[in-house]
Amino acid sequence: GFWNGTKSQYFELYKQSALAVKSVNNELKVGG
């Protein structure tokens, strides 16, 4: 359906996304 990759690749995508959001302001809310 929505992710032509592995679980580990998604986890790394989450890591990069969370770090990017929090780099702007640590009080912004991120999840998955």
All heavy atoms as atom14 arrays in JSON, in Angstrom:
{
  "sequence": "GFWNGTKSQYFELYKQSALAVKSVNNELKVGG",
  "atom14_mask": [
    [1, 1, 1, 1, 0, 0, 0, 0, 0, 0, 0, 0, 0, 0],
    [1, 1, 1, 1, 1, 1, 1, 1, 1, 1, 1, 0, 0, 0],
    [1, 1, 1, 1, 1, 1, 1, 1, 1, 1, 1, 1, 1, 1],
    [1, 1, 1, 1, 1, 1, 1, 1, 0, 0, 0, 0, 0, 0],
    [1, 1, 1, 1, 0, 0, 0, 0, 0, 0, 0, 0, 0, 0],
    [1, 1, 1, 1, 1, 1, 1, 0, 0, 0, 0, 0, 0, 0],
    [1, 1, 1, 1, 1, 1, 1, 1, 1, 0, 0, 0, 0, 0],
    [1, 1, 1, 1, 1, 1, 0, 0, 0, 0, 0, 0, 0, 0],
    [1, 1, 1, 1, 1, 1, 1, 1, 1, 0, 0, 0, 0, 0],
    [1, 1, 1, 1, 1, 1, 1, 1, 1, 1, 1, 1, 0, 0],
    [1, 1, 1, 1, 1, 1, 1, 1, 1, 1, 1, 0, 0, 0],
    [1, 1, 1, 1, 1, 1, 1, 1, 1, 0, 0, 0, 0, 0],
    [1, 1, 1, 1, 1, 1, 1, 1, 0, 0, 0, 0, 0, 0],
    [1, 1, 1, 1, 1, 1, 1, 1, 1, 1, 1, 1, 0, 0],
    [1, 1, 1, 1, 1, 1, 1, 1, 1, 0, 0, 0, 0, 0],
    [1, 1, 1, 1, 1, 1, 1, 1, 1, 0, 0, 0, 0, 0],
    [1, 1, 1, 1, 1, 1, 0, 0, 0, 0, 0, 0, 0, 0],
    [1, 1, 1, 1, 1, 0, 0, 0, 0, 0, 0, 0, 0, 0],
    [1, 1, 1, 1, 1, 1, 1, 1, 0, 0, 0, 0, 0, 0],
    [1, 1, 1, 1, 1, 0, 0, 0, 0, 0, 0, 0, 0, 0],
    [1, 1, 1, 1, 1, 1, 1, 0, 0, 0, 0, 0, 0, 0],
    [1, 1, 1, 1, 1, 1, 1, 1, 1, 0, 0, 0, 0, 0],
    [1, 1, 1, 1, 1, 1, 0, 0, 0, 0, 0, 0, 0, 0],
    [1, 1, 1, 1, 1, 1, 1, 0, 0, 0, 0, 0, 0, 0],
    [1, 1, 1, 1, 1, 1, 1, 1, 0, 0, 0, 0, 0, 0],
    [1, 1, 1, 1, 1, 1, 1, 1, 0, 0, 0, 0, 0, 0],
    [1, 1, 1, 1, 1, 1, 1, 1, 1, 0, 0, 0, 0, 0],
    [1, 1, 1, 1, 1, 1, 1, 1, 0, 0, 0, 0, 0, 0],
    [1, 1, 1, 1, 1, 1, 1, 1, 1, 0, 0, 0, 0, 0],
    [1, 1, 1, 1, 1, 1, 1, 0, 0, 0, 0, 0, 0, 0],
    [1, 1, 1, 1, 0, 0, 0, 0, 0, 0, 0, 0, 0, 0],
    [1, 1, 1, 1, 0, 0, 0, 0, 0, 0, 0, 0, 0, 0]
  ],
  "atom14_positions": [
    [[0.78, -1.21, 0.0], [0.0, 0.0, 0.0], [0.82, 1.27, 0.0], [0.9, 1.97, -1.0], [0.0, 0.0, 0.0], [0.0, 0.0, 0.0], [0.0, 0.0, 0.0], [0.0, 0.0, 0.0], [0.0, 0.0, 0.0], [0.0, 0.0, 0.0], [0.0, 0.0, 0.0], [0.0, 0.0, 0.0], [0.0, 0.0, 0.0], [0.0, 0.0, 0.0]],
    [[1.47, 1.57, 1.14], [2.01, 2.91, 1.33], [3.51, 3.0, 1.59], [4.03, 4.1, 1.72], [1.26, 3.59, 2.49], [-0.21, 3.72, 2.25], [-1.1, 2.82, 2.8], [-0.71, 4.73, 1.44], [-2.46, 2.93, 2.59], [-2.07, 4.85, 1.2], [-2.95, 3.95, 1.78], [0.0, 0.0, 0.0], [0.0, 0.0, 0.0], [0.0, 0.0, 0.0]],
    [[4.2, 1.88, 1.67], [5.63, 1.93, 2.0], [6.34, 0.76, 1.31], [6.26, -0.37, 1.76], [5.84, 1.86, 3.5], [7.27, 1.97, 3.94], [8.04, 0.97, 4.48], [8.11, 3.13, 3.93], [9.29, 1.43, 4.79], [9.36, 2.77, 4.46], [7.91, 4.45, 3.51], [10.41, 3.68, 4.58], [8.96, 5.34, 3.63], [10.19, 4.97, 4.16]],
    [[7.02, 1.08, 0.25], [7.77, 0.06, -0.48], [9.2, 0.02, 0.06], [10.17, 0.35, -0.62], [7.78, 0.4, -1.97], [8.46, -0.68, -2.8], [8.38, -1.86, -2.48], [9.14, -0.28, -3.86], [0.0, 0.0, 0.0], [0.0, 0.0, 0.0], [0.0, 0.0, 0.0], [0.0, 0.0, 0.0], [0.0, 0.0, 0.0], [0.0, 0.0, 0.0]],
    [[9.29, -0.37, 1.33], [10.58, -0.43, 2.01], [10.48, -1.33, 3.22], [9.5, -2.05, 3.41], [0.0, 0.0, 0.0], [0.0, 0.0, 0.0], [0.0, 0.0, 0.0], [0.0, 0.0, 0.0], [0.0, 0.0, 0.0], [0.0, 0.0, 0.0], [0.0, 0.0, 0.0], [0.0, 0.0, 0.0], [0.0, 0.0, 0.0], [0.0, 0.0, 0.0]],
    [[11.5, -1.29, 4.07], [11.54, -2.15, 5.24], [11.12, -1.38, 6.5], [11.01, -0.15, 6.49], [12.95, -2.69, 5.47], [13.83, -1.59, 5.78], [13.47, -3.41, 4.22], [0.0, 0.0, 0.0], [0.0, 0.0, 0.0], [0.0, 0.0, 0.0], [0.0, 0.0, 0.0], [0.0, 0.0, 0.0], [0.0, 0.0, 0.0], [0.0, 0.0, 0.0]],
    [[10.92, -2.14, 7.57], [10.61, -1.53, 8.85], [11.76, -0.63, 9.31], [11.53, 0.49, 9.77], [10.34, -2.62, 9.9], [9.96, -2.11, 11.27], [9.93, -3.19, 12.32], [8.92, -4.27, 12.02], [8.83, -5.28, 13.1], [0.0, 0.0, 0.0], [0.0, 0.0, 0.0], [0.0, 0.0, 0.0], [0.0, 0.0, 0.0], [0.0, 0.0, 0.0]],
    [[12.98, -1.11, 9.16], [14.14, -0.31, 9.58], [14.26, 0.98, 8.78], [14.65, 2.02, 9.32], [15.43, -1.14, 9.44], [15.43, -2.23, 10.34], [0.0, 0.0, 0.0], [0.0, 0.0, 0.0], [0.0, 0.0, 0.0], [0.0, 0.0, 0.0], [0.0, 0.0, 0.0], [0.0, 0.0, 0.0], [0.0, 0.0, 0.0], [0.0, 0.0, 0.0]],
    [[13.92, 0.91, 7.51], [13.97, 2.13, 6.69], [12.92, 3.15, 7.16], [13.18, 4.35, 7.16], [13.74, 1.78, 5.22], [14.94, 1.13, 4.55], [14.65, 0.73, 3.11], [13.59, 0.16, 2.81], [15.58, 1.03, 2.23], [0.0, 0.0, 0.0], [0.0, 0.0, 0.0], [0.0, 0.0, 0.0], [0.0, 0.0, 0.0], [0.0, 0.0, 0.0]],
    [[11.77, 2.65, 7.57], [10.78, 3.57, 8.12], [11.28, 4.18, 9.43], [11.13, 5.4, 9.66], [9.43, 2.9, 8.36], [8.53, 3.82, 9.17], [7.92, 4.93, 8.59], [8.36, 3.63, 10.55], [7.15, 5.81, 9.33], [7.59, 4.51, 11.31], [7.0, 5.59, 10.69], [6.25, 6.48, 11.44], [0.0, 0.0, 0.0], [0.0, 0.0, 0.0]],
    [[11.85, 3.36, 10.29], [12.34, 3.89, 11.56], [13.38, 4.98, 11.34], [13.41, 5.98, 12.05], [12.91, 2.76, 12.41], [11.87, 1.83, 13.0], [12.25, 0.65, 13.62], [10.52, 2.13, 12.93], [11.31, -0.21, 14.17], [9.56, 1.28, 13.47], [9.96, 0.1, 14.09], [0.0, 0.0, 0.0], [0.0, 0.0, 0.0], [0.0, 0.0, 0.0]],
    [[14.24, 4.79, 10.36], [15.23, 5.83, 10.04], [14.55, 7.08, 9.5], [14.96, 8.21, 9.81], [16.25, 5.3, 9.04], [17.32, 6.32, 8.62], [18.21, 6.77, 9.76], [18.37, 6.01, 10.75], [18.75, 7.9, 9.66], [0.0, 0.0, 0.0], [0.0, 0.0, 0.0], [0.0, 0.0, 0.0], [0.0, 0.0, 0.0], [0.0, 0.0, 0.0]],
    [[13.49, 6.9, 8.71], [12.74, 8.05, 8.22], [12.1, 8.8, 9.39], [12.09, 10.04, 9.42], [11.65, 7.61, 7.24], [10.91, 8.77, 6.55], [11.71, 9.24, 5.33], [9.5, 8.36, 6.13], [0.0, 0.0, 0.0], [0.0, 0.0, 0.0], [0.0, 0.0, 0.0], [0.0, 0.0, 0.0], [0.0, 0.0, 0.0], [0.0, 0.0, 0.0]],
    [[11.57, 8.05, 10.35], [11.01, 8.69, 11.55], [12.09, 9.48, 12.27], [11.86, 10.63, 12.69], [10.41, 7.66, 12.5], [9.85, 8.32, 13.75], [8.56, 8.85, 13.75], [10.63, 8.46, 14.89], [8.05, 9.5, 14.87], [10.13, 9.11, 16.02], [8.85, 9.64, 16.0], [8.37, 10.29, 17.1], [0.0, 0.0, 0.0], [0.0, 0.0, 0.0]],
    [[13.27, 8.89, 12.41], [14.36, 9.58, 13.09], [14.68, 10.91, 12.43], [14.77, 11.95, 13.1], [15.6, 8.68, 13.11], [16.83, 9.31, 13.76], [18.0, 8.34, 13.75], [19.24, 8.95, 14.4], [20.38, 7.99, 14.41], [0.0, 0.0, 0.0], [0.0, 0.0, 0.0], [0.0, 0.0, 0.0], [0.0, 0.0, 0.0], [0.0, 0.0, 0.0]],
    [[14.85, 10.88, 11.12], [15.19, 12.1, 10.4], [14.06, 13.14, 10.5], [14.31, 14.34, 10.63], [15.49, 11.78, 8.94], [16.73, 10.93, 8.74], [17.98, 11.56, 9.34], [18.17, 12.77, 9.27], [18.82, 10.73, 9.93], [0.0, 0.0, 0.0], [0.0, 0.0, 0.0], [0.0, 0.0, 0.0], [0.0, 0.0, 0.0], [0.0, 0.0, 0.0]],
    [[12.82, 12.67, 10.46], [11.68, 13.58, 10.54], [11.58, 14.2, 11.93], [11.36, 15.42, 12.07], [10.38, 12.83, 10.22], [10.46, 12.2, 8.95], [0.0, 0.0, 0.0], [0.0, 0.0, 0.0], [0.0, 0.0, 0.0], [0.0, 0.0, 0.0], [0.0, 0.0, 0.0], [0.0, 0.0, 0.0], [0.0, 0.0, 0.0], [0.0, 0.0, 0.0]],
    [[11.7, 13.38, 12.96], [11.59, 13.88, 14.33], [12.7, 14.88, 14.64], [12.45, 15.93, 15.25], [11.62, 12.72, 15.32], [0.0, 0.0, 0.0], [0.0, 0.0, 0.0], [0.0, 0.0, 0.0], [0.0, 0.0, 0.0], [0.0, 0.0, 0.0], [0.0, 0.0, 0.0], [0.0, 0.0, 0.0], [0.0, 0.0, 0.0], [0.0, 0.0, 0.0]],
    [[13.91, 14.56, 14.22], [15.02, 15.48, 14.45], [14.8, 16.79, 13.71], [15.12, 17.87, 14.23], [16.33, 14.83, 14.01], [16.81, 13.63, 14.84], [18.06, 13.01, 14.21], [17.08, 14.02, 16.28], [0.0, 0.0, 0.0], [0.0, 0.0, 0.0], [0.0, 0.0, 0.0], [0.0, 0.0, 0.0], [0.0, 0.0, 0.0], [0.0, 0.0, 0.0]],
    [[14.24, 16.71, 12.51], [13.99, 17.92, 11.73], [12.95, 18.81, 12.4], [13.13, 20.02, 12.52], [13.55, 17.54, 10.32], [0.0, 0.0, 0.0], [0.0, 0.0, 0.0], [0.0, 0.0, 0.0], [0.0, 0.0, 0.0], [0.0, 0.0, 0.0], [0.0, 0.0, 0.0], [0.0, 0.0, 0.0], [0.0, 0.0, 0.0], [0.0, 0.0, 0.0]],
    [[11.85, 18.22, 12.84], [10.79, 18.99, 13.5], [11.31, 19.62, 14.79], [11.11, 20.82, 15.05], [9.56, 18.09, 13.77], [8.56, 18.82, 14.68], [8.9, 17.67, 12.47], [0.0, 0.0, 0.0], [0.0, 0.0, 0.0], [0.0, 0.0, 0.0], [0.0, 0.0, 0.0], [0.0, 0.0, 0.0], [0.0, 0.0, 0.0], [0.0, 0.0, 0.0]],
    [[11.99, 18.83, 15.61], [12.46, 19.33, 16.9], [13.59, 20.34, 16.76], [13.81, 21.16, 17.68], [12.92, 18.15, 17.76], [11.81, 17.2, 18.18], [10.86, 17.83, 19.19], [9.85, 16.81, 19.71], [8.96, 17.36, 20.75], [0.0, 0.0, 0.0], [0.0, 0.0, 0.0], [0.0, 0.0, 0.0], [0.0, 0.0, 0.0], [0.0, 0.0, 0.0]],
    [[14.3, 20.31, 15.63], [15.35, 21.3, 15.43], [14.79, 22.7, 15.3], [15.48, 23.69, 15.57], [16.17, 20.95, 14.18], [15.44, 21.19, 12.99], [0.0, 0.0, 0.0], [0.0, 0.0, 0.0], [0.0, 0.0, 0.0], [0.0, 0.0, 0.0], [0.0, 0.0, 0.0], [0.0, 0.0, 0.0], [0.0, 0.0, 0.0], [0.0, 0.0, 0.0]],
    [[13.55, 22.81, 14.9], [12.88, 24.11, 14.8], [12.44, 24.59, 16.17], [12.67, 25.74, 16.56], [11.69, 24.04, 13.83], [10.92, 25.35, 13.81], [12.17, 23.67, 12.43], [0.0, 0.0, 0.0], [0.0, 0.0, 0.0], [0.0, 0.0, 0.0], [0.0, 0.0, 0.0], [0.0, 0.0, 0.0], [0.0, 0.0, 0.0], [0.0, 0.0, 0.0]],
    [[11.82, 23.7, 16.93], [11.42, 24.02, 18.3], [11.15, 22.71, 19.01], [10.35, 21.89, 18.54], [10.18, 24.91, 18.33], [9.86, 25.4, 19.72], [9.46, 24.65, 20.6], [10.03, 26.71, 19.93], [0.0, 0.0, 0.0], [0.0, 0.0, 0.0], [0.0, 0.0, 0.0], [0.0, 0.0, 0.0], [0.0, 0.0, 0.0], [0.0, 0.0, 0.0]],
    [[11.77, 22.53, 20.17], [11.68, 21.26, 20.87], [10.29, 20.99, 21.43], [9.98, 19.86, 21.81], [12.7, 21.22, 22.01], [12.93, 19.81, 22.51], [13.16, 18.88, 21.73], [12.85, 19.62, 23.82], [0.0, 0.0, 0.0], [0.0, 0.0, 0.0], [0.0, 0.0, 0.0], [0.0, 0.0, 0.0], [0.0, 0.0, 0.0], [0.0, 0.0, 0.0]],
    [[9.43, 22.01, 21.49], [8.08, 21.81, 22.02], [7.08, 21.38, 20.95], [5.92, 21.1, 21.26], [7.6, 23.09, 22.69], [8.39, 23.47, 23.94], [7.8, 24.69, 24.62], [6.61, 24.66, 24.98], [8.53, 25.68, 24.76], [0.0, 0.0, 0.0], [0.0, 0.0, 0.0], [0.0, 0.0, 0.0], [0.0, 0.0, 0.0], [0.0, 0.0, 0.0]],
    [[7.49, 21.34, 19.69], [6.6, 20.85, 18.64], [6.4, 19.35, 18.82], [7.3, 18.62, 19.23], [7.19, 21.16, 17.27], [7.36, 22.65, 16.95], [8.01, 22.82, 15.59], [6.01, 23.38, 17.0], [0.0, 0.0, 0.0], [0.0, 0.0, 0.0], [0.0, 0.0, 0.0], [0.0, 0.0, 0.0], [0.0, 0.0, 0.0], [0.0, 0.0, 0.0]],
    [[5.19, 18.87, 18.47], [4.81, 17.48, 18.75], [4.95, 16.59, 17.52], [4.4, 16.9, 16.46], [3.36, 17.44, 19.27], [3.21, 18.06, 20.65], [1.76, 18.12, 21.1], [1.02, 19.27, 20.47], [-0.27, 19.56, 21.15], [0.0, 0.0, 0.0], [0.0, 0.0, 0.0], [0.0, 0.0, 0.0], [0.0, 0.0, 0.0], [0.0, 0.0, 0.0]],
    [[5.68, 15.49, 17.7], [5.92, 14.56, 16.59], [5.63, 13.14, 17.07], [5.82, 12.82, 18.24], [7.37, 14.69, 16.07], [8.37, 14.27, 17.13], [7.57, 13.92, 14.78], [0.0, 0.0, 0.0], [0.0, 0.0, 0.0], [0.0, 0.0, 0.0], [0.0, 0.0, 0.0], [0.0, 0.0, 0.0], [0.0, 0.0, 0.0], [0.0, 0.0, 0.0]],
    [[5.16, 12.29, 16.16], [4.85, 10.92, 16.55], [4.62, 10.01, 15.36], [4.7, 10.42, 14.2], [0.0, 0.0, 0.0], [0.0, 0.0, 0.0], [0.0, 0.0, 0.0], [0.0, 0.0, 0.0], [0.0, 0.0, 0.0], [0.0, 0.0, 0.0], [0.0, 0.0, 0.0], [0.0, 0.0, 0.0], [0.0, 0.0, 0.0], [0.0, 0.0, 0.0]],
    [[4.32, 8.76, 15.65], [4.08, 7.71, 14.68], [3.71, 6.45, 15.44], [3.37, 6.52, 16.62], [0.0, 0.0, 0.0], [0.0, 0.0, 0.0], [0.0, 0.0, 0.0], [0.0, 0.0, 0.0], [0.0, 0.0, 0.0], [0.0, 0.0, 0.0], [0.0, 0.0, 0.0], [0.0, 0.0, 0.0], [0.0, 0.0, 0.0], [0.0, 0.0, 0.0]]
  ]
}
